[in-house]
Amino acid sequence: MSPVVIALDGPSGSGKSSTARGVASRLGLAYLDTGAMYRATTWALLQHGVDVEDADAVAAACERVVIESGTDPAAPTIHADGHDVSVAIRGQEVTDAVSQVSRVPRVRERMVALQRAEIAESHGIVVEGRDIGTTVAPRAEVKVYLVADPAARAARRAAETGEQSAEQVSATAESLARRDVIDSSRTASPLAKADDAVLIDSTTLSLDEVVDAVVRLAEPVLADASERAR
């Protein structure tokens, strides 16, 4: 039986990572953070001195980067060229460059291939990103598009980085807005809600409430898959 795939898409700061990990843990599924894969690629390119503004250079160099993702929701890992980059990819240098790298079509083609391989090897997986329901796994059995208002997204992202002054939150909001524009306007698999995805607004919801909502959508699908496998 093909693995059940839960596709969780949405913009930065909407709560995708925490929600996806919570859902995967609750349901006993694997977890894949596709954003971390793009960040790890960006980190490797920066380490090799590649000009991330040069799309041709990025396309050529990305072929040599080895990305490995650990899919345990309790302790997900990400390695680039053999280095554990779980912390390094959250730094400002990578954050500032990742949208430029991820908009290059060859980078997206390569990452999508890796992501589909991870899905195929799983026995059920929650995959979070920006183009999962539309490009990576368009036949996913469960699709969710998670949103939150800009103020909530900025506050959450600032809290993650420990930068919670009014000025820092405002700067974070501006950064998220810029990334939204880049991600939603790129030619290759832009940030978009799949037509058959369920929209969940997490602005006024707790993490547990969002996880509960996704689990309620997934449980009947998992039950049906289990029944068909007997």
N, C-alpha and C. Protein backbone atom coordinates (compact mmCIF):
# COMPACT_ATOMS: atom_id res chain seq x y z
N MET A 1 0.84 -1.19 0.00
CA MET A 1 0.00 0.00 0.00
C MET A 1 0.87 1.24 0.00
N SER A 2 0.50 2.22 -0.81
CA SER A 2 1.23 3.47 -0.84
C SER A 2 1.11 4.18 0.51
N PRO A 3 2.14 4.91 0.94
CA PRO A 3 2.07 5.59 2.23
C PRO A 3 1.03 6.70 2.22
N VAL A 4 0.39 6.92 3.37
CA VAL A 4 -0.52 8.05 3.51
C VAL A 4 0.33 9.30 3.68
N VAL A 5 0.02 10.32 2.90
CA VAL A 5 0.78 11.56 2.95
C VAL A 5 -0.12 12.68 3.44
N ILE A 6 0.34 13.38 4.45
CA ILE A 6 -0.34 14.59 4.94
C ILE A 6 0.51 15.77 4.51
N ALA A 7 -0.02 16.58 3.61
CA ALA A 7 0.70 17.75 3.08
C ALA A 7 0.27 18.98 3.85
N LEU A 8 1.24 19.64 4.45
CA LEU A 8 0.96 20.83 5.26
C LEU A 8 1.74 22.01 4.70
N ASP A 9 1.03 22.92 4.03
CA ASP A 9 1.66 24.07 3.40
C ASP A 9 1.26 25.37 4.09
N GLY A 10 2.00 26.43 3.77
CA GLY A 10 1.67 27.74 4.31
C GLY A 10 2.90 28.63 4.37
N PRO A 11 2.70 29.92 4.60
CA PRO A 11 3.83 30.86 4.65
C PRO A 11 4.63 30.74 5.95
N SER A 12 5.78 31.37 5.98
CA SER A 12 6.62 31.38 7.18
C SER A 12 5.87 31.97 8.37
N GLY A 13 6.06 31.36 9.53
CA GLY A 13 5.47 31.89 10.74
C GLY A 13 4.03 31.48 10.98
N SER A 14 3.48 30.64 10.10
CA SER A 14 2.09 30.21 10.28
C SER A 14 1.96 29.05 11.26
N GLY A 15 3.09 28.47 11.65
CA GLY A 15 3.07 27.37 12.62
C GLY A 15 3.20 26.00 12.00
N LYS A 16 3.69 25.94 10.76
CA LYS A 16 3.76 24.67 10.05
C LYS A 16 4.63 23.63 10.77
N SER A 17 5.84 24.03 11.16
CA SER A 17 6.78 23.06 11.72
C SER A 17 6.26 22.43 13.00
N SER A 18 5.82 23.27 13.93
CA SER A 18 5.33 22.75 15.20
C SER A 18 4.09 21.89 14.99
N THR A 19 3.22 22.34 14.10
CA THR A 19 2.01 21.57 13.81
C THR A 19 2.34 20.23 13.17
N ALA A 20 3.20 20.26 12.17
CA ALA A 20 3.54 19.02 11.46
C ALA A 20 4.20 18.01 12.39
N ARG A 21 5.10 18.48 13.22
CA ARG A 21 5.75 17.56 14.16
C ARG A 21 4.75 17.01 15.17
N GLY A 22 3.84 17.87 15.63
CA GLY A 22 2.83 17.42 16.58
C GLY A 22 1.90 16.38 15.97
N VAL A 23 1.49 16.61 14.74
CA VAL A 23 0.61 15.66 14.06
C VAL A 23 1.33 14.33 13.82
N ALA A 24 2.57 14.40 13.34
CA ALA A 24 3.33 13.18 13.08
C ALA A 24 3.53 12.37 14.36
N SER A 25 3.84 13.04 15.45
CA SER A 25 4.03 12.35 16.73
C SER A 25 2.73 11.72 17.20
N ARG A 26 1.64 12.46 17.09
CA ARG A 26 0.34 11.96 17.54
C ARG A 26 -0.10 10.73 16.75
N LEU A 27 0.18 10.73 15.46
CA LEU A 27 -0.31 9.65 14.59
C LEU A 27 0.72 8.57 14.31
N GLY A 28 1.93 8.73 14.85
CA GLY A 28 2.96 7.72 14.63
C GLY A 28 3.49 7.71 13.21
N LEU A 29 3.61 8.88 12.61
CA LEU A 29 4.08 9.00 11.23
C LEU A 29 5.46 9.64 11.19
N ALA A 30 6.10 9.52 10.04
CA ALA A 30 7.37 10.22 9.83
C ALA A 30 7.08 11.70 9.58
N TYR A 31 8.13 12.50 9.62
CA TYR A 31 7.99 13.96 9.45
C TYR A 31 9.11 14.47 8.57
N LEU A 32 8.76 15.30 7.59
CA LEU A 32 9.77 15.87 6.71
C LEU A 32 9.59 17.38 6.61
N ASP A 33 10.65 18.09 6.97
CA ASP A 33 10.69 19.55 6.89
C ASP A 33 11.39 19.92 5.59
N THR A 34 10.62 20.21 4.55
CA THR A 34 11.24 20.51 3.27
C THR A 34 11.94 21.87 3.28
N GLY A 35 11.47 22.78 4.11
CA GLY A 35 12.14 24.07 4.21
C GLY A 35 13.57 23.92 4.70
N ALA A 36 13.79 22.98 5.61
CA ALA A 36 15.14 22.74 6.11
C ALA A 36 16.06 22.24 5.00
N MET A 37 15.50 21.53 4.04
CA MET A 37 16.30 21.04 2.92
C MET A 37 16.80 22.21 2.05
N TYR A 38 15.92 23.16 1.81
CA TYR A 38 16.33 24.34 1.04
C TYR A 38 17.33 25.17 1.83
N ARG A 39 17.12 25.28 3.13
CA ARG A 39 18.05 26.03 3.96
C ARG A 39 19.42 25.34 4.00
N ALA A 40 19.42 24.01 4.08
CA ALA A 40 20.68 23.29 4.12
C ALA A 40 21.45 23.46 2.81
N THR A 41 20.72 23.45 1.70
CA THR A 41 21.36 23.69 0.41
C THR A 41 21.95 25.10 0.36
N THR A 42 21.19 26.06 0.86
CA THR A 42 21.66 27.44 0.89
C THR A 42 22.92 27.57 1.74
N TRP A 43 22.90 26.93 2.91
CA TRP A 43 24.08 26.95 3.79
C TRP A 43 25.31 26.41 3.05
N ALA A 44 25.14 25.28 2.36
CA ALA A 44 26.27 24.68 1.66
C ALA A 44 26.80 25.60 0.56
N LEU A 45 25.90 26.23 -0.17
CA LEU A 45 26.33 27.13 -1.24
C LEU A 45 27.09 28.33 -0.68
N LEU A 46 26.61 28.86 0.43
CA LEU A 46 27.30 29.98 1.06
C LEU A 46 28.68 29.55 1.55
N GLN A 47 28.77 28.34 2.09
CA GLN A 47 30.07 27.84 2.55
C GLN A 47 31.06 27.74 1.41
N HIS A 48 30.57 27.46 0.21
CA HIS A 48 31.44 27.31 -0.95
C HIS A 48 31.61 28.62 -1.72
N GLY A 49 31.10 29.71 -1.16
CA GLY A 49 31.29 31.02 -1.76
C GLY A 49 30.50 31.26 -3.03
N VAL A 50 29.41 30.53 -3.21
CA VAL A 50 28.58 30.71 -4.41
C VAL A 50 27.76 32.00 -4.26
N ASP A 51 27.70 32.79 -5.32
CA ASP A 51 26.89 34.00 -5.32
C ASP A 51 25.43 33.60 -5.48
N VAL A 52 24.65 33.73 -4.43
CA VAL A 52 23.27 33.26 -4.46
C VAL A 52 22.38 34.12 -5.35
N GLU A 53 22.89 35.27 -5.78
CA GLU A 53 22.14 36.11 -6.72
C GLU A 53 22.34 35.66 -8.16
N ASP A 54 23.29 34.76 -8.37
CA ASP A 54 23.59 34.26 -9.70
C ASP A 54 22.88 32.92 -9.88
N ALA A 55 21.74 32.94 -10.57
CA ALA A 55 20.91 31.73 -10.69
C ALA A 55 21.65 30.59 -11.39
N ASP A 56 22.47 30.92 -12.39
CA ASP A 56 23.21 29.88 -13.11
C ASP A 56 24.24 29.22 -12.20
N ALA A 57 24.92 30.03 -11.40
CA ALA A 57 25.92 29.49 -10.47
C ALA A 57 25.25 28.62 -9.41
N VAL A 58 24.10 29.07 -8.92
CA VAL A 58 23.35 28.28 -7.93
C VAL A 58 22.90 26.96 -8.52
N ALA A 59 22.37 26.99 -9.75
CA ALA A 59 21.89 25.78 -10.41
C ALA A 59 23.01 24.76 -10.58
N ALA A 60 24.18 25.24 -10.96
CA ALA A 60 25.31 24.33 -11.17
C ALA A 60 25.84 23.77 -9.86
N ALA A 61 25.97 24.63 -8.86
CA ALA A 61 26.57 24.22 -7.59
C ALA A 61 25.65 23.31 -6.77
N CYS A 62 24.34 23.49 -6.89
CA CYS A 62 23.41 22.70 -6.07
C CYS A 62 23.50 21.21 -6.38
N GLU A 63 23.98 20.86 -7.58
CA GLU A 63 24.09 19.46 -7.97
C GLU A 63 25.08 18.70 -7.09
N ARG A 64 26.01 19.43 -6.51
CA ARG A 64 27.08 18.77 -5.74
C ARG A 64 26.77 18.68 -4.25
N VAL A 65 25.67 19.30 -3.80
CA VAL A 65 25.35 19.32 -2.38
C VAL A 65 24.61 18.03 -1.99
N VAL A 66 25.08 17.37 -0.96
CA VAL A 66 24.45 16.14 -0.47
C VAL A 66 23.58 16.49 0.73
N ILE A 67 22.28 16.29 0.59
CA ILE A 67 21.31 16.59 1.66
C ILE A 67 20.76 15.31 2.23
N GLU A 68 20.75 15.20 3.56
CA GLU A 68 20.19 14.03 4.24
C GLU A 68 19.24 14.52 5.33
N SER A 69 18.02 14.02 5.29
CA SER A 69 17.00 14.43 6.26
C SER A 69 16.63 13.27 7.18
N GLY A 70 16.61 13.54 8.49
CA GLY A 70 16.10 12.57 9.45
C GLY A 70 14.63 12.84 9.68
N THR A 71 13.78 11.82 9.66
CA THR A 71 12.33 12.02 9.66
C THR A 71 11.63 11.62 10.96
N ASP A 72 12.39 11.51 12.05
CA ASP A 72 11.78 11.24 13.35
C ASP A 72 11.22 12.56 13.89
N PRO A 73 9.89 12.66 14.08
CA PRO A 73 9.33 13.95 14.53
C PRO A 73 9.82 14.38 15.91
N ALA A 74 10.27 13.43 16.72
CA ALA A 74 10.77 13.77 18.05
C ALA A 74 12.17 14.38 17.98
N ALA A 75 12.91 14.04 16.93
CA ALA A 75 14.28 14.54 16.81
C ALA A 75 14.68 14.60 15.35
N PRO A 76 14.04 15.48 14.56
CA PRO A 76 14.39 15.58 13.14
C PRO A 76 15.80 16.12 12.96
N THR A 77 16.48 15.65 11.94
CA THR A 77 17.84 16.09 11.68
C THR A 77 17.97 16.54 10.22
N ILE A 78 18.98 17.34 9.96
CA ILE A 78 19.28 17.77 8.59
C ILE A 78 20.79 17.90 8.46
N HIS A 79 21.34 17.24 7.45
CA HIS A 79 22.78 17.29 7.19
C HIS A 79 23.03 17.78 5.77
N ALA A 80 24.07 18.56 5.61
CA ALA A 80 24.52 19.00 4.29
C ALA A 80 25.98 18.65 4.15
N ASP A 81 26.30 17.86 3.12
CA ASP A 81 27.68 17.42 2.89
C ASP A 81 28.29 16.79 4.14
N GLY A 82 27.48 16.05 4.87
CA GLY A 82 27.96 15.34 6.05
C GLY A 82 27.99 16.15 7.33
N HIS A 83 27.61 17.42 7.27
CA HIS A 83 27.63 18.29 8.45
C HIS A 83 26.21 18.42 9.03
N ASP A 84 26.10 18.31 10.34
CA ASP A 84 24.82 18.58 11.01
C ASP A 84 24.62 20.09 10.99
N VAL A 85 23.61 20.54 10.25
CA VAL A 85 23.41 21.99 10.09
C VAL A 85 22.09 22.45 10.71
N SER A 86 21.56 21.65 11.63
CA SER A 86 20.27 21.96 12.24
C SER A 86 20.22 23.36 12.84
N VAL A 87 21.31 23.78 13.46
CA VAL A 87 21.38 25.10 14.07
C VAL A 87 21.81 26.15 13.05
N ALA A 88 22.81 25.82 12.27
CA ALA A 88 23.40 26.79 11.34
C ALA A 88 22.39 27.31 10.32
N ILE A 89 21.44 26.47 9.91
CA ILE A 89 20.51 26.91 8.86
C ILE A 89 19.48 27.92 9.36
N ARG A 90 19.42 28.12 10.66
CA ARG A 90 18.47 29.10 11.21
C ARG A 90 19.11 30.47 11.40
N GLY A 91 20.38 30.59 11.04
CA GLY A 91 21.07 31.87 11.19
C GLY A 91 20.59 32.89 10.17
N GLN A 92 20.91 34.15 10.43
CA GLN A 92 20.41 35.24 9.59
C GLN A 92 20.96 35.17 8.17
N GLU A 93 22.21 34.74 8.01
CA GLU A 93 22.80 34.70 6.67
C GLU A 93 22.01 33.76 5.77
N VAL A 94 21.67 32.59 6.29
CA VAL A 94 20.87 31.63 5.50
C VAL A 94 19.46 32.16 5.29
N THR A 95 18.88 32.72 6.34
CA THR A 95 17.52 33.26 6.24
C THR A 95 17.42 34.32 5.15
N ASP A 96 18.43 35.15 5.06
CA ASP A 96 18.42 36.22 4.06
C ASP A 96 18.61 35.70 2.64
N ALA A 97 19.21 34.52 2.49
CA ALA A 97 19.56 34.02 1.15
C ALA A 97 18.66 32.91 0.64
N VAL A 98 17.90 32.26 1.53
CA VAL A 98 17.21 31.04 1.13
C VAL A 98 16.15 31.25 0.05
N SER A 99 15.47 32.38 0.07
CA SER A 99 14.45 32.61 -0.96
C SER A 99 15.07 32.75 -2.34
N GLN A 100 16.26 33.37 -2.41
CA GLN A 100 16.94 33.50 -3.70
C GLN A 100 17.35 32.13 -4.23
N VAL A 101 17.85 31.29 -3.34
CA VAL A 101 18.27 29.94 -3.76
C VAL A 101 17.06 29.09 -4.14
N SER A 102 16.02 29.13 -3.33
CA SER A 102 14.89 28.23 -3.55
C SER A 102 14.04 28.60 -4.75
N ARG A 103 14.22 29.79 -5.29
CA ARG A 103 13.45 30.17 -6.48
C ARG A 103 14.09 29.68 -7.77
N VAL A 104 15.32 29.17 -7.69
CA VAL A 104 16.01 28.67 -8.89
C VAL A 104 15.38 27.33 -9.30
N PRO A 105 14.87 27.22 -10.51
CA PRO A 105 14.16 26.00 -10.91
C PRO A 105 14.94 24.71 -10.70
N ARG A 106 16.24 24.69 -11.00
CA ARG A 106 17.00 23.46 -10.84
C ARG A 106 17.09 23.05 -9.38
N VAL A 107 17.19 24.01 -8.48
CA VAL A 107 17.20 23.69 -7.04
C VAL A 107 15.88 23.03 -6.67
N ARG A 108 14.78 23.59 -7.13
CA ARG A 108 13.48 23.05 -6.79
C ARG A 108 13.28 21.65 -7.39
N GLU A 109 13.74 21.46 -8.61
CA GLU A 109 13.64 20.14 -9.23
C GLU A 109 14.38 19.09 -8.40
N ARG A 110 15.56 19.46 -7.96
CA ARG A 110 16.38 18.51 -7.19
C ARG A 110 15.77 18.23 -5.83
N MET A 111 15.30 19.27 -5.16
CA MET A 111 14.69 19.07 -3.85
C MET A 111 13.39 18.27 -3.95
N VAL A 112 12.59 18.55 -4.96
CA VAL A 112 11.34 17.81 -5.13
C VAL A 112 11.62 16.32 -5.33
N ALA A 113 12.65 16.01 -6.11
CA ALA A 113 13.01 14.61 -6.32
C ALA A 113 13.42 13.95 -5.00
N LEU A 114 14.21 14.65 -4.20
CA LEU A 114 14.62 14.11 -2.89
C LEU A 114 13.42 13.93 -1.97
N GLN A 115 12.52 14.90 -1.99
CA GLN A 115 11.34 14.84 -1.13
C GLN A 115 10.42 13.68 -1.52
N ARG A 116 10.24 13.49 -2.81
CA ARG A 116 9.40 12.38 -3.26
C ARG A 116 10.03 11.03 -2.91
N ALA A 117 11.35 10.96 -2.93
CA ALA A 117 12.03 9.73 -2.53
C ALA A 117 11.79 9.43 -1.05
N GLU A 118 11.84 10.47 -0.21
CA GLU A 118 11.57 10.28 1.22
C GLU A 118 10.13 9.80 1.44
N ILE A 119 9.20 10.37 0.69
CA ILE A 119 7.79 9.98 0.81
C ILE A 119 7.62 8.51 0.42
N ALA A 120 8.24 8.12 -0.68
CA ALA A 120 8.11 6.76 -1.19
C ALA A 120 8.68 5.73 -0.21
N GLU A 121 9.69 6.13 0.54
CA GLU A 121 10.34 5.20 1.47
C GLU A 121 9.63 5.12 2.81
N SER A 122 8.68 6.00 3.04
CA SER A 122 8.00 6.03 4.35
C SER A 122 6.78 5.10 4.35
N HIS A 123 6.28 4.86 5.56
CA HIS A 123 5.04 4.09 5.72
C HIS A 123 3.90 5.03 6.10
N GLY A 124 4.09 6.29 5.87
CA GLY A 124 3.15 7.33 6.25
C GLY A 124 3.94 8.52 6.74
N ILE A 125 3.61 9.71 6.25
CA ILE A 125 4.47 10.85 6.54
C ILE A 125 3.70 12.16 6.51
N VAL A 126 4.13 13.08 7.37
CA VAL A 126 3.63 14.46 7.35
C VAL A 126 4.73 15.30 6.72
N VAL A 127 4.42 15.98 5.64
CA VAL A 127 5.41 16.77 4.91
C VAL A 127 4.99 18.23 4.95
N GLU A 128 5.87 19.08 5.44
CA GLU A 128 5.53 20.51 5.51
C GLU A 128 6.41 21.32 4.58
N GLY A 129 5.80 22.36 4.00
CA GLY A 129 6.54 23.22 3.09
C GLY A 129 5.66 24.29 2.49
N ARG A 130 5.93 24.61 1.24
CA ARG A 130 5.17 25.66 0.55
C ARG A 130 4.52 25.18 -0.74
N ASP A 131 4.98 24.02 -1.22
CA ASP A 131 4.45 23.51 -2.48
C ASP A 131 4.16 22.01 -2.42
N ILE A 132 3.88 21.51 -1.24
CA ILE A 132 3.69 20.07 -1.08
C ILE A 132 2.40 19.60 -1.75
N GLY A 133 1.30 20.25 -1.42
CA GLY A 133 0.02 19.84 -1.97
C GLY A 133 -0.14 20.15 -3.45
N THR A 134 0.64 21.09 -3.97
CA THR A 134 0.51 21.48 -5.37
C THR A 134 1.53 20.82 -6.28
N THR A 135 2.75 20.57 -5.76
CA THR A 135 3.84 20.08 -6.62
C THR A 135 4.47 18.78 -6.14
N VAL A 136 4.89 18.75 -4.88
CA VAL A 136 5.62 17.59 -4.38
C VAL A 136 4.73 16.36 -4.29
N ALA A 137 3.56 16.52 -3.69
CA ALA A 137 2.64 15.39 -3.50
C ALA A 137 1.22 15.81 -3.83
N PRO A 138 0.94 16.09 -5.11
CA PRO A 138 -0.40 16.57 -5.47
C PRO A 138 -1.51 15.56 -5.21
N ARG A 139 -1.15 14.29 -5.01
CA ARG A 139 -2.15 13.26 -4.71
C ARG A 139 -2.20 12.92 -3.23
N ALA A 140 -1.62 13.77 -2.40
CA ALA A 140 -1.65 13.53 -0.95
C ALA A 140 -3.09 13.35 -0.47
N GLU A 141 -3.27 12.40 0.43
CA GLU A 141 -4.62 12.08 0.91
C GLU A 141 -5.20 13.18 1.78
N VAL A 142 -4.33 13.90 2.48
CA VAL A 142 -4.77 15.01 3.34
C VAL A 142 -3.93 16.23 2.99
N LYS A 143 -4.61 17.34 2.70
CA LYS A 143 -3.90 18.58 2.39
C LYS A 143 -4.44 19.70 3.28
N VAL A 144 -3.52 20.40 3.91
CA VAL A 144 -3.87 21.51 4.79
C VAL A 144 -3.04 22.73 4.37
N TYR A 145 -3.69 23.87 4.34
CA TYR A 145 -2.98 25.14 4.11
C TYR A 145 -3.16 25.98 5.35
N LEU A 146 -2.05 26.21 6.05
CA LEU A 146 -2.07 26.87 7.35
C LEU A 146 -1.68 28.34 7.19
N VAL A 147 -2.52 29.21 7.73
CA VAL A 147 -2.25 30.65 7.66
C VAL A 147 -2.38 31.27 9.05
N ALA A 148 -1.94 32.51 9.16
CA ALA A 148 -2.12 33.31 10.37
C ALA A 148 -1.94 34.76 9.95
N ASP A 149 -2.51 35.68 10.72
CA ASP A 149 -2.39 37.08 10.30
C ASP A 149 -0.93 37.53 10.48
N PRO A 150 -0.52 38.57 9.76
CA PRO A 150 0.89 38.99 9.77
C PRO A 150 1.45 39.29 11.15
N ALA A 151 0.64 39.91 12.02
CA ALA A 151 1.14 40.24 13.35
C ALA A 151 1.46 38.99 14.15
N ALA A 152 0.57 37.99 14.07
CA ALA A 152 0.79 36.74 14.80
C ALA A 152 2.02 36.01 14.27
N ARG A 153 2.17 35.99 12.96
CA ARG A 153 3.32 35.33 12.35
C ARG A 153 4.63 35.99 12.78
N ALA A 154 4.65 37.32 12.77
CA ALA A 154 5.86 38.04 13.16
C ALA A 154 6.19 37.81 14.62
N ALA A 155 5.18 37.83 15.48
CA ALA A 155 5.41 37.62 16.91
C ALA A 155 5.96 36.22 17.17
N ARG A 156 5.42 35.22 16.47
CA ARG A 156 5.90 33.84 16.66
C ARG A 156 7.34 33.69 16.20
N ARG A 157 7.65 34.23 15.05
CA ARG A 157 9.00 34.10 14.53
C ARG A 157 10.00 34.85 15.40
N ALA A 158 9.61 36.02 15.90
CA ALA A 158 10.48 36.78 16.79
C ALA A 158 10.72 36.03 18.09
N ALA A 159 9.67 35.38 18.60
CA ALA A 159 9.81 34.60 19.83
C ALA A 159 10.78 33.44 19.62
N GLU A 160 10.75 32.82 18.43
CA GLU A 160 11.66 31.72 18.14
C GLU A 160 13.11 32.16 18.18
N THR A 161 13.36 33.38 17.73
CA THR A 161 14.73 33.89 17.68
C THR A 161 15.13 34.67 18.92
N GLY A 162 14.17 34.88 19.84
CA GLY A 162 14.45 35.61 21.06
C GLY A 162 14.52 37.11 20.87
N GLU A 163 14.07 37.59 19.72
CA GLU A 163 14.11 39.03 19.42
C GLU A 163 12.69 39.59 19.50
N GLN A 164 12.29 40.03 20.67
CA GLN A 164 10.88 40.33 20.89
C GLN A 164 10.58 41.80 21.16
N SER A 165 11.52 42.69 20.93
CA SER A 165 11.22 44.10 21.09
C SER A 165 10.30 44.53 19.95
N ALA A 166 9.62 45.68 20.14
CA ALA A 166 8.69 46.16 19.11
C ALA A 166 9.41 46.37 17.78
N GLU A 167 10.62 46.90 17.85
CA GLU A 167 11.38 47.15 16.63
C GLU A 167 11.76 45.84 15.94
N GLN A 168 12.14 44.85 16.73
CA GLN A 168 12.54 43.57 16.15
C GLN A 168 11.35 42.84 15.55
N VAL A 169 10.20 42.91 16.22
CA VAL A 169 8.99 42.27 15.68
C VAL A 169 8.59 42.95 14.37
N SER A 170 8.70 44.29 14.33
CA SER A 170 8.37 45.02 13.12
C SER A 170 9.31 44.63 11.97
N ALA A 171 10.59 44.50 12.28
CA ALA A 171 11.56 44.10 11.26
C ALA A 171 11.27 42.68 10.77
N THR A 172 10.88 41.82 11.69
CA THR A 172 10.54 40.45 11.32
C THR A 172 9.32 40.43 10.41
N ALA A 173 8.32 41.26 10.71
CA ALA A 173 7.12 41.34 9.88
C ALA A 173 7.48 41.76 8.45
N GLU A 174 8.38 42.73 8.33
CA GLU A 174 8.80 43.19 7.01
C GLU A 174 9.54 42.09 6.26
N SER A 175 10.38 41.35 6.98
CA SER A 175 11.12 40.26 6.36
C SER A 175 10.18 39.16 5.87
N LEU A 176 9.19 38.82 6.68
CA LEU A 176 8.23 37.80 6.28
C LEU A 176 7.43 38.25 5.06
N ALA A 177 7.06 39.51 5.04
CA ALA A 177 6.29 40.04 3.91
C ALA A 177 7.11 39.96 2.61
N ARG A 178 8.40 40.29 2.71
CA ARG A 178 9.26 40.20 1.53
C ARG A 178 9.36 38.76 1.05
N ARG A 179 9.49 37.84 1.99
CA ARG A 179 9.62 36.43 1.58
C ARG A 179 8.31 35.93 0.98
N ASP A 180 7.18 36.37 1.50
CA ASP A 180 5.89 35.98 0.92
C ASP A 180 5.82 36.35 -0.55
N VAL A 181 6.27 37.57 -0.85
CA VAL A 181 6.23 38.06 -2.24
C VAL A 181 7.12 37.20 -3.12
N ILE A 182 8.33 36.91 -2.66
CA ILE A 182 9.26 36.10 -3.44
C ILE A 182 8.71 34.69 -3.63
N ASP A 183 8.24 34.09 -2.53
CA ASP A 183 7.79 32.70 -2.59
C ASP A 183 6.53 32.52 -3.44
N SER A 184 5.63 33.50 -3.39
CA SER A 184 4.37 33.36 -4.11
C SER A 184 4.47 33.79 -5.57
N SER A 185 5.55 34.50 -5.93
CA SER A 185 5.67 35.00 -7.30
C SER A 185 6.71 34.26 -8.12
N ARG A 186 7.44 33.34 -7.53
CA ARG A 186 8.45 32.62 -8.31
C ARG A 186 7.78 31.75 -9.37
N THR A 187 8.51 31.50 -10.43
CA THR A 187 7.97 30.71 -11.54
C THR A 187 7.87 29.23 -11.18
N ALA A 188 8.90 28.71 -10.51
CA ALA A 188 8.94 27.29 -10.18
C ALA A 188 8.19 27.00 -8.88
N SER A 189 7.12 26.23 -8.98
CA SER A 189 6.30 25.79 -7.85
C SER A 189 6.17 26.84 -6.74
N PRO A 190 5.44 27.90 -7.00
CA PRO A 190 5.29 28.97 -6.01
C PRO A 190 4.46 28.55 -4.79
N LEU A 191 4.59 29.33 -3.74
CA LEU A 191 3.74 29.15 -2.56
C LEU A 191 2.29 29.36 -2.99
N ALA A 192 1.46 28.35 -2.78
CA ALA A 192 0.06 28.45 -3.20
C ALA A 192 -0.76 27.40 -2.47
N LYS A 193 -2.01 27.71 -2.27
CA LYS A 193 -2.94 26.76 -1.66
C LYS A 193 -3.48 25.83 -2.75
N ALA A 194 -3.37 24.52 -2.52
CA ALA A 194 -3.97 23.57 -3.46
C ALA A 194 -5.49 23.72 -3.42
N ASP A 195 -6.12 23.51 -4.55
CA ASP A 195 -7.57 23.69 -4.63
C ASP A 195 -8.33 22.81 -3.64
N ASP A 196 -7.78 21.63 -3.35
CA ASP A 196 -8.47 20.69 -2.46
C ASP A 196 -7.90 20.69 -1.04
N ALA A 197 -7.11 21.70 -0.71
CA ALA A 197 -6.56 21.79 0.64
C ALA A 197 -7.57 22.45 1.59
N VAL A 198 -7.54 22.02 2.84
CA VAL A 198 -8.38 22.61 3.88
C VAL A 198 -7.62 23.78 4.50
N LEU A 199 -8.24 24.95 4.50
CA LEU A 199 -7.61 26.15 5.07
C LEU A 199 -7.84 26.19 6.58
N ILE A 200 -6.75 26.34 7.33
CA ILE A 200 -6.85 26.51 8.78
C ILE A 200 -6.13 27.80 9.16
N ASP A 201 -6.85 28.70 9.81
CA ASP A 201 -6.28 29.95 10.29
C ASP A 201 -5.88 29.76 11.74
N SER A 202 -4.58 29.81 12.01
CA SER A 202 -4.07 29.52 13.35
C SER A 202 -3.92 30.77 14.22
N THR A 203 -4.38 31.91 13.73
CA THR A 203 -4.14 33.18 14.43
C THR A 203 -4.57 33.13 15.89
N THR A 204 -5.77 32.64 16.15
CA THR A 204 -6.31 32.64 17.51
C THR A 204 -6.32 31.26 18.14
N LEU A 205 -5.66 30.29 17.50
CA LEU A 205 -5.66 28.92 18.00
C LEU A 205 -4.35 28.59 18.70
N SER A 206 -4.43 27.75 19.71
CA SER A 206 -3.22 27.23 20.34
C SER A 206 -2.63 26.14 19.43
N LEU A 207 -1.38 25.78 19.70
CA LEU A 207 -0.76 24.72 18.92
C LEU A 207 -1.56 23.42 19.03
N ASP A 208 -1.97 23.06 20.25
CA ASP A 208 -2.74 21.83 20.43
C ASP A 208 -4.04 21.85 19.63
N GLU A 209 -4.67 23.02 19.55
CA GLU A 209 -5.92 23.12 18.80
C GLU A 209 -5.69 22.93 17.30
N VAL A 210 -4.58 23.45 16.80
CA VAL A 210 -4.28 23.28 15.38
C VAL A 210 -3.94 21.81 15.09
N VAL A 211 -3.13 21.21 15.96
CA VAL A 211 -2.79 19.79 15.80
C VAL A 211 -4.07 18.95 15.84
N ASP A 212 -4.96 19.24 16.78
CA ASP A 212 -6.22 18.50 16.88
C ASP A 212 -7.01 18.58 15.57
N ALA A 213 -7.04 19.77 14.98
CA ALA A 213 -7.81 19.97 13.76
C ALA A 213 -7.25 19.13 12.61
N VAL A 214 -5.93 19.08 12.50
CA VAL A 214 -5.33 18.30 11.43
C VAL A 214 -5.51 16.80 11.69
N VAL A 215 -5.35 16.40 12.93
CA VAL A 215 -5.53 14.99 13.28
C VAL A 215 -6.96 14.53 12.96
N ARG A 216 -7.93 15.38 13.23
CA ARG A 216 -9.32 15.01 12.92
C ARG A 216 -9.51 14.78 11.41
N LEU A 217 -8.81 15.56 10.60
CA LEU A 217 -8.88 15.37 9.15
C LEU A 217 -8.20 14.07 8.73
N ALA A 218 -7.11 13.73 9.41
CA ALA A 218 -6.28 12.60 8.99
C ALA A 218 -6.79 11.25 9.49
N GLU A 219 -7.39 11.21 10.65
CA GLU A 219 -7.75 9.92 11.25
C GLU A 219 -8.65 9.07 10.36
N PRO A 220 -9.71 9.61 9.74
CA PRO A 220 -10.53 8.76 8.86
C PRO A 220 -9.75 8.22 7.67
N VAL A 221 -8.83 9.00 7.14
CA VAL A 221 -8.02 8.57 6.01
C VAL A 221 -7.10 7.43 6.42
N LEU A 222 -6.47 7.55 7.57
CA LEU A 222 -5.59 6.50 8.07
C LEU A 222 -6.38 5.23 8.38
N ALA A 223 -7.56 5.39 8.94
CA ALA A 223 -8.39 4.24 9.25
C ALA A 223 -8.79 3.49 7.97
N ASP A 224 -9.13 4.25 6.95
CA ASP A 224 -9.51 3.66 5.67
C ASP A 224 -8.32 2.95 5.03
N ALA A 225 -7.14 3.56 5.09
CA ALA A 225 -5.95 2.93 4.53
C ALA A 225 -5.62 1.64 5.27
N SER A 226 -5.78 1.66 6.58
CA SER A 226 -5.53 0.46 7.38
C SER A 226 -6.50 -0.65 7.04
N GLU A 227 -7.75 -0.30 6.83
CA GLU A 227 -8.77 -1.28 6.49
C GLU A 227 -8.47 -1.90 5.12
N ARG A 228 -8.07 -1.08 4.17
CA ARG A 228 -7.79 -1.59 2.83
C ARG A 228 -6.56 -2.46 2.80
N ALA A 229 -5.66 -2.28 3.78
CA ALA A 229 -4.42 -3.06 3.80
C ALA A 229 -4.61 -4.46 4.39
N ARG A 230 -5.74 -4.68 5.02
CA ARG A 230 -5.98 -5.98 5.66
C ARG A 230 -6.25 -7.07 4.62
